[in-house]
Amino acid sequence: MVFTDIALLIIIGILLFELIILIHEGGHFVTAKLCGVKVNEFALGMGPKLIKFKKGETLYSLRLFPIGGFCAMEGEDIESDDKRAFGNKKVWQRMIIVVAGAVMNIILGLVLMMITLAPNKYFASSTVAVFSDNATSNQQLQVGDEIKEINGYDIITSTDMSFAFATAKSNKLSMTVRRDGEYLELTDVQLPTVESDGKEILQLDFKVAAIENNFGTLMSQTFLSTVSTVRMVWSSLVGLVTGQFGLNEVSGPVGMTSAISQATASGLQTSFWDGLNNLIYIMMIITVNLGVVNLLPIPALDGGRLVFLIIEAIRRKPIKPEHEGYVHAIGMLVLFAFMILISIKDVIQLIF
């Protein structure tokens, strides 16, 4: 029975990942069509074609490897005399087309977040409800305190609290709380720790108040929790660049696959639906990651293309496609090299 559940979750996981790619490339496709751009091919997957058919001017294909997809537009990377070519459209139209994929991924993240939250009777707040026995944080915190900031990190959901505690470098924290309608600055709020894999991990010594699940709170928690996830992605990227997080704390496809397997296996220990819920939650994180990272101003990503369009809008003159192509090609090589490095690191961690 467990083997059947695992197999079914693997199939669902692949379908969800393909849905993420479909939504992303579909965002480019739909906006391109609405802006009158000629789309030569819309592909789901990479590698040899398994299924293909042509409808109108566009070839639709399903390819062997479920690791990506593309929306090939006329005149996207080279000059074209076709008036419906991507490069011949107004700069604001091209901006919309470029960012549409990432925006759709974030919208999908909202939908997946709502699916994971909907079954809950209650949601966790950031308001202290009760302290555990032998608590230490109650020397500063009080029941009823609404935690608004931890070590300079804004708290809007319980997810933000978890992230702030997980990334804290000390068990003595600075906090901003709202108490009786007033904001108070607390220093040296001490939490207990436990040792795990040679690291000191913070433990909460209090429980937070519950928020009842109804239509209004579900909608607000869906939005706020997705915002929290986006903020975590950005904060993690900033932490990687600034050295707060090391390379060992970054995962590529191999590491993500391992994390997905562990999360679904953990959920299956209670029920199939818990395993599925864990899988959907991780896919929500992946699609939001894809949306946010794609908007970064990095060559070869949508954000990098957007930068060139912004420059074009400012100088009222496009950069030569071959010059932009060189920049994106170099960016792609750097990204591939980075992904290979991270994948090798993931494999080594799995083996040892």
Protein backbone atom coordinates (compact mmCIF):
# COMPACT_ATOMS: atom_id res chain seq x y z
CA MET A 1 0.00 0.00 0.00
CA VAL A 2 2.82 2.40 0.92
CA PHE A 3 4.66 1.54 -2.32
CA THR A 4 1.48 2.33 -4.28
CA ASP A 5 1.12 5.64 -2.43
CA ILE A 6 4.74 6.57 -3.13
CA ALA A 7 4.38 5.71 -6.82
CA LEU A 8 1.20 7.77 -7.05
CA LEU A 9 2.86 10.73 -5.32
CA ILE A 10 5.81 10.51 -7.75
CA ILE A 11 3.40 10.69 -10.68
CA ILE A 12 1.53 13.59 -9.07
CA GLY A 13 4.86 15.32 -8.37
CA ILE A 14 5.92 15.05 -12.02
CA LEU A 15 2.53 16.35 -13.17
CA LEU A 16 2.71 19.26 -10.71
CA PHE A 17 6.23 20.12 -11.89
CA GLU A 18 5.03 20.04 -15.50
CA LEU A 19 2.11 22.25 -14.45
CA ILE A 20 4.61 24.77 -13.07
CA ILE A 21 6.47 24.81 -16.41
CA LEU A 22 3.20 24.92 -18.37
CA ILE A 23 1.94 27.89 -16.34
CA HIS A 24 5.25 29.74 -16.80
CA GLU A 25 5.57 29.22 -20.54
CA GLY A 26 1.80 29.63 -20.92
CA GLY A 27 2.13 33.12 -19.44
CA HIS A 28 4.59 34.02 -22.20
CA PHE A 29 2.43 32.30 -24.83
CA VAL A 30 -0.90 33.93 -23.97
CA THR A 31 0.51 37.44 -23.65
CA ALA A 32 2.50 37.00 -26.87
CA LYS A 33 -0.69 36.00 -28.71
CA LEU A 34 -2.63 38.90 -27.17
CA CYS A 35 0.10 41.31 -28.31
CA GLY A 36 0.02 39.87 -31.83
CA VAL A 37 3.42 38.15 -31.70
CA LYS A 38 3.93 35.11 -33.92
CA VAL A 39 4.71 32.01 -31.86
CA ASN A 40 6.60 29.39 -33.86
CA GLU A 41 6.58 26.61 -31.26
CA PHE A 42 5.20 25.95 -27.80
CA ALA A 43 6.96 23.01 -26.14
CA LEU A 44 6.49 21.23 -22.84
CA GLY A 45 9.62 19.31 -21.83
CA MET A 46 13.01 19.19 -23.50
CA GLY A 47 14.78 16.82 -25.88
CA PRO A 48 13.24 14.67 -28.64
CA LYS A 49 9.59 15.25 -29.52
CA LEU A 50 7.15 12.56 -28.33
CA ILE A 51 3.96 14.21 -29.60
CA LYS A 52 3.60 17.13 -31.96
CA PHE A 53 0.84 18.83 -33.89
CA LYS A 54 0.42 22.13 -35.63
CA LYS A 55 -2.54 24.41 -35.17
CA GLY A 56 -2.51 27.61 -37.16
CA GLU A 57 1.00 29.01 -37.25
CA THR A 58 2.20 27.35 -34.03
CA LEU A 59 3.74 23.91 -33.57
CA TYR A 60 2.79 22.33 -30.23
CA SER A 61 5.05 19.58 -28.88
CA LEU A 62 5.48 17.32 -25.87
CA ARG A 63 9.13 16.34 -25.40
CA LEU A 64 10.86 13.43 -23.70
CA PHE A 65 12.49 15.00 -20.66
CA PRO A 66 10.10 16.74 -18.19
CA ILE A 67 12.68 19.33 -17.12
CA GLY A 68 11.53 22.51 -18.82
CA GLY A 69 9.81 23.95 -21.85
CA PHE A 70 9.86 26.96 -24.11
CA CYS A 71 7.75 29.39 -26.10
CA ALA A 72 9.69 30.15 -29.29
CA MET A 73 8.60 33.51 -30.67
CA GLU A 74 9.49 34.90 -34.09
CA GLY A 75 12.34 37.42 -33.84
CA GLU A 76 12.95 36.78 -30.16
CA ASP A 77 16.74 36.42 -30.37
CA ILE A 78 17.49 37.47 -33.95
CA GLU A 79 16.28 40.26 -36.20
CA SER A 80 13.21 39.49 -38.32
CA ASP A 81 11.39 41.43 -41.02
CA ASP A 82 8.08 39.93 -39.95
CA LYS A 83 5.94 42.75 -38.55
CA ARG A 84 4.58 40.26 -35.98
CA ALA A 85 8.07 39.41 -34.71
CA PHE A 86 8.74 39.87 -30.99
CA GLY A 87 11.50 42.39 -31.66
CA ASN A 88 9.19 44.55 -33.77
CA LYS A 89 6.56 45.03 -31.09
CA LYS A 90 6.37 48.05 -28.80
CA VAL A 91 8.72 47.91 -25.84
CA TRP A 92 5.89 47.90 -23.25
CA GLN A 93 4.31 44.90 -24.99
CA ARG A 94 7.61 43.01 -24.88
CA MET A 95 7.97 43.88 -21.17
CA ILE A 96 4.56 42.35 -20.46
CA ILE A 97 5.43 39.20 -22.40
CA VAL A 98 8.78 38.82 -20.64
CA VAL A 99 7.42 39.14 -17.07
CA ALA A 100 4.19 37.19 -17.68
CA GLY A 101 5.78 33.79 -17.03
CA ALA A 102 7.11 34.75 -13.60
CA VAL A 103 3.85 36.48 -12.65
CA MET A 104 1.87 33.36 -13.56
CA ASN A 105 4.18 31.23 -11.40
CA ILE A 106 3.51 33.47 -8.41
CA ILE A 107 -0.25 33.30 -9.10
CA LEU A 108 0.01 29.49 -9.21
CA GLY A 109 1.85 29.72 -5.88
CA LEU A 110 -1.17 31.54 -4.44
CA VAL A 111 -3.49 28.78 -5.64
CA LEU A 112 -1.28 25.99 -4.25
CA MET A 113 -0.91 27.85 -0.96
CA MET A 114 -4.69 28.10 -0.65
CA ILE A 115 -4.99 24.34 -1.33
CA THR A 116 -2.55 23.54 1.48
CA LEU A 117 -4.21 25.93 3.94
CA ALA A 118 -7.86 25.13 3.21
CA PRO A 119 -8.06 21.82 5.19
CA ASN A 120 -6.80 23.47 8.41
CA LYS A 121 -9.32 24.30 11.13
CA TYR A 122 -7.01 27.02 12.45
CA PHE A 123 -4.00 29.05 11.34
CA ALA A 124 -1.06 30.01 13.52
CA SER A 125 -0.75 33.70 14.39
CA SER A 126 2.30 35.61 15.66
CA THR A 127 0.66 36.43 19.01
CA VAL A 128 2.00 34.79 22.17
CA ALA A 129 -0.74 32.67 23.77
CA VAL A 130 0.92 30.60 26.49
CA PHE A 131 4.44 29.86 27.75
CA SER A 132 5.77 26.36 28.30
CA ASP A 133 7.17 25.15 31.62
CA ASN A 134 10.64 26.50 32.40
CA ALA A 135 10.33 29.15 29.66
CA THR A 136 13.05 31.78 29.44
CA SER A 137 11.56 34.18 26.88
CA ASN A 138 8.83 35.22 29.33
CA GLN A 139 11.39 37.39 31.09
CA GLN A 140 10.79 39.82 28.22
CA LEU A 141 7.72 38.60 26.36
CA GLN A 142 4.20 38.58 27.76
CA VAL A 143 1.03 36.69 26.84
CA GLY A 144 -0.83 38.76 24.27
CA ASP A 145 2.32 40.23 22.69
CA GLU A 146 2.03 40.36 18.89
CA ILE A 147 5.52 39.82 17.49
CA LYS A 148 6.17 42.29 14.65
CA GLU A 149 9.94 42.02 14.12
CA ILE A 150 12.74 39.60 14.99
CA ASN A 151 16.37 40.68 14.52
CA GLY A 152 15.24 43.31 12.02
CA TYR A 153 13.11 40.84 9.98
CA ASP A 154 9.46 41.95 9.64
CA ILE A 155 6.94 39.39 10.89
CA ILE A 156 3.59 39.18 9.10
CA THR A 157 2.89 35.44 9.47
CA SER A 158 4.04 32.53 11.62
CA THR A 159 6.16 31.43 8.63
CA ASP A 160 8.21 34.62 9.03
CA MET A 161 8.74 33.73 12.69
CA SER A 162 10.00 30.26 11.75
CA PHE A 163 12.39 31.74 9.17
CA ALA A 164 13.69 34.38 11.58
CA PHE A 165 14.29 31.79 14.32
CA ALA A 166 15.92 29.35 11.88
CA THR A 167 18.39 31.98 10.59
CA ALA A 168 19.21 33.54 13.97
CA LYS A 169 22.89 33.36 14.89
CA SER A 170 22.26 33.53 18.64
CA ASN A 171 19.61 32.42 21.11
CA LYS A 172 19.37 36.04 22.33
CA LEU A 173 17.12 37.96 19.99
CA SER A 174 15.94 41.52 19.53
CA MET A 175 12.21 41.82 18.97
CA THR A 176 9.58 44.45 18.32
CA VAL A 177 6.17 43.57 19.74
CA ARG A 178 2.80 45.28 19.90
CA ARG A 179 1.55 45.25 23.48
CA ASP A 180 -1.71 46.96 24.45
CA GLY A 181 -1.69 48.91 21.20
CA GLU A 182 1.87 50.20 21.65
CA TYR A 183 5.08 49.08 19.96
CA LEU A 184 7.90 48.02 22.29
CA GLU A 185 11.54 47.22 21.54
CA LEU A 186 12.77 44.14 23.40
CA THR A 187 16.44 43.17 23.60
CA ASP A 188 18.12 39.90 24.60
CA VAL A 189 14.96 37.80 24.40
CA GLN A 190 16.43 34.41 25.28
CA LEU A 191 15.16 31.10 23.88
CA PRO A 192 16.32 27.57 24.78
CA THR A 193 18.41 25.59 22.27
CA VAL A 194 19.03 21.95 21.38
CA GLU A 195 22.00 20.50 19.51
CA SER A 196 21.37 18.90 16.12
CA ASP A 197 24.13 17.76 13.74
CA GLY A 198 26.63 19.89 15.61
CA LYS A 199 24.46 23.01 15.40
CA GLU A 200 22.55 24.86 18.09
CA ILE A 201 18.88 24.99 17.07
CA LEU A 202 16.47 27.44 18.70
CA GLN A 203 13.38 26.02 20.35
CA LEU A 204 10.21 27.97 20.96
CA ASP A 205 9.19 28.02 24.61
CA PHE A 206 5.77 29.49 23.90
CA LYS A 207 2.74 28.74 21.76
CA VAL A 208 0.95 31.25 19.55
CA ALA A 209 -2.75 32.04 19.36
CA ALA A 210 -4.92 30.34 16.74
CA ILE A 211 -6.81 32.06 13.92
CA GLU A 212 -10.08 30.37 12.96
CA ASN A 213 -10.32 29.27 9.33
CA ASN A 214 -13.13 30.99 7.44
CA PHE A 215 -13.37 32.45 3.94
CA GLY A 216 -11.90 35.83 4.94
CA THR A 217 -9.01 34.45 6.98
CA LEU A 218 -8.28 31.81 4.31
CA MET A 219 -7.96 34.50 1.64
CA SER A 220 -5.81 36.75 3.83
CA GLN A 221 -3.59 33.91 5.05
CA THR A 222 -3.16 32.65 1.47
CA PHE A 223 -1.95 36.07 0.32
CA LEU A 224 0.18 36.83 3.38
CA SER A 225 1.76 33.36 3.48
CA THR A 226 2.68 33.61 -0.21
CA VAL A 227 4.20 37.04 0.43
CA SER A 228 6.16 35.50 3.31
CA THR A 229 7.47 32.79 0.98
CA VAL A 230 8.55 35.39 -1.61
CA ARG A 231 10.32 37.37 1.13
CA MET A 232 12.10 34.23 2.32
CA VAL A 233 13.35 33.57 -1.22
CA TRP A 234 14.70 37.10 -1.55
CA SER A 235 16.23 37.07 1.94
CA SER A 236 17.87 33.72 1.23
CA LEU A 237 19.34 35.02 -2.03
CA VAL A 238 20.64 38.15 -0.28
CA GLY A 239 22.07 35.94 2.48
CA LEU A 240 23.85 33.81 -0.12
CA VAL A 241 25.37 36.86 -1.82
CA THR A 242 26.41 38.50 1.47
CA GLY A 243 27.83 35.29 2.91
CA GLN A 244 25.17 34.79 5.59
CA PHE A 245 24.40 31.39 4.07
CA GLY A 246 27.08 29.09 2.67
CA LEU A 247 27.07 26.96 -0.47
CA ASN A 248 26.17 23.91 1.63
CA GLU A 249 22.79 25.51 2.39
CA VAL A 250 21.87 25.83 -1.31
CA SER A 251 20.16 22.96 -3.14
CA GLY A 252 19.79 22.16 -6.81
CA PRO A 253 17.56 19.59 -8.56
CA VAL A 254 19.14 16.64 -6.72
CA GLY A 255 18.74 18.31 -3.34
CA MET A 256 15.18 19.37 -4.12
CA THR A 257 14.31 15.81 -5.15
CA SER A 258 15.73 14.54 -1.86
CA ALA A 259 13.78 17.17 0.11
CA ILE A 260 10.56 16.31 -1.73
CA SER A 261 11.10 12.60 -1.05
CA GLN A 262 11.72 13.20 2.66
CA ALA A 263 8.72 15.51 3.01
CA THR A 264 6.31 13.16 1.24
CA ALA A 265 7.67 10.13 3.11
CA SER A 266 7.21 11.99 6.39
CA GLY A 267 3.62 12.82 5.44
CA LEU A 268 2.93 9.22 4.41
CA GLN A 269 3.73 8.10 7.95
CA THR A 270 0.38 9.60 8.96
CA SER A 271 -1.69 9.41 5.76
CA PHE A 272 -1.57 9.68 1.97
CA TRP A 273 -3.28 13.07 2.14
CA ASP A 274 -0.62 14.44 4.50
CA GLY A 275 2.04 13.27 2.05
CA LEU A 276 0.16 14.92 -0.81
CA ASN A 277 -0.23 18.13 1.20
CA ASN A 278 3.53 18.20 1.88
CA LEU A 279 4.22 17.63 -1.82
CA ILE A 280 1.88 20.47 -2.86
CA TYR A 281 3.50 22.79 -0.31
CA ILE A 282 6.98 22.11 -1.67
CA MET A 283 5.72 22.61 -5.24
CA MET A 284 4.28 25.94 -4.07
CA ILE A 285 7.74 26.94 -2.83
CA ILE A 286 9.31 25.83 -6.13
CA THR A 287 6.87 27.77 -8.32
CA VAL A 288 7.26 30.93 -6.21
CA ASN A 289 11.05 30.44 -6.35
CA LEU A 290 10.86 30.12 -10.13
CA GLY A 291 8.78 33.26 -10.39
CA VAL A 292 10.95 35.36 -8.09
CA VAL A 293 14.34 34.16 -9.36
CA ASN A 294 13.26 34.61 -12.99
CA LEU A 295 12.68 38.30 -12.28
CA LEU A 296 16.24 38.81 -11.05
CA PRO A 297 18.34 41.01 -13.39
CA ILE A 298 20.53 38.08 -14.44
CA PRO A 299 21.41 37.46 -18.11
CA ALA A 300 19.50 34.54 -19.69
CA LEU A 301 16.62 34.95 -17.20
CA ASP A 302 13.44 36.92 -17.82
CA GLY A 303 14.69 39.61 -15.45
CA GLY A 304 17.83 39.99 -17.54
CA ARG A 305 15.76 40.43 -20.69
CA LEU A 306 13.61 42.97 -18.85
CA VAL A 307 16.74 45.02 -18.04
CA PHE A 308 17.58 45.27 -21.74
CA LEU A 309 14.01 46.38 -22.48
CA ILE A 310 14.19 49.04 -19.77
CA ILE A 311 17.46 50.31 -21.26
CA GLU A 312 15.80 50.37 -24.68
CA ALA A 313 12.83 52.33 -23.29
CA ILE A 314 15.19 54.89 -21.71
CA ARG A 315 17.48 55.39 -24.71
CA ARG A 316 14.62 54.92 -27.22
CA LYS A 317 16.81 52.65 -29.27
CA PRO A 318 17.14 48.85 -29.05
CA ILE A 319 20.44 47.16 -28.31
CA LYS A 320 21.61 45.03 -31.21
CA PRO A 321 20.12 41.52 -30.85
CA GLU A 322 23.49 39.84 -31.41
CA HIS A 323 25.04 41.85 -28.57
CA GLU A 324 22.18 41.00 -26.22
CA GLY A 325 22.44 37.39 -27.38
CA TYR A 326 26.12 37.24 -26.37
CA VAL A 327 25.29 38.51 -22.89
CA HIS A 328 22.47 35.97 -22.43
CA ALA A 329 24.67 33.14 -23.76
CA ILE A 330 27.38 33.94 -21.21
CA GLY A 331 24.74 34.16 -18.48
CA MET A 332 23.35 30.79 -19.50
CA LEU A 333 26.80 29.19 -19.33
CA VAL A 334 27.37 30.65 -15.85
CA LEU A 335 23.96 29.40 -14.68
CA PHE A 336 24.62 25.90 -16.06
CA ALA A 337 28.04 25.83 -14.38
CA PHE A 338 26.47 26.93 -11.08
CA MET A 339 23.73 24.28 -11.34
CA ILE A 340 26.32 21.57 -12.10
CA LEU A 341 28.37 22.66 -9.07
CA ILE A 342 25.30 22.62 -6.80
CA SER A 343 24.19 19.22 -8.18
CA ILE A 344 27.63 17.72 -7.51
CA LYS A 345 27.47 19.12 -3.96
CA ASP A 346 23.98 17.60 -3.50
CA VAL A 347 25.17 14.15 -4.70
CA ILE A 348 28.18 14.25 -2.36
CA GLN A 349 25.93 15.17 0.58
CA LEU A 350 23.55 12.30 -0.27
CA ILE A 351 26.40 9.77 -0.45
CA PHE A 352 28.34 10.90 2.61
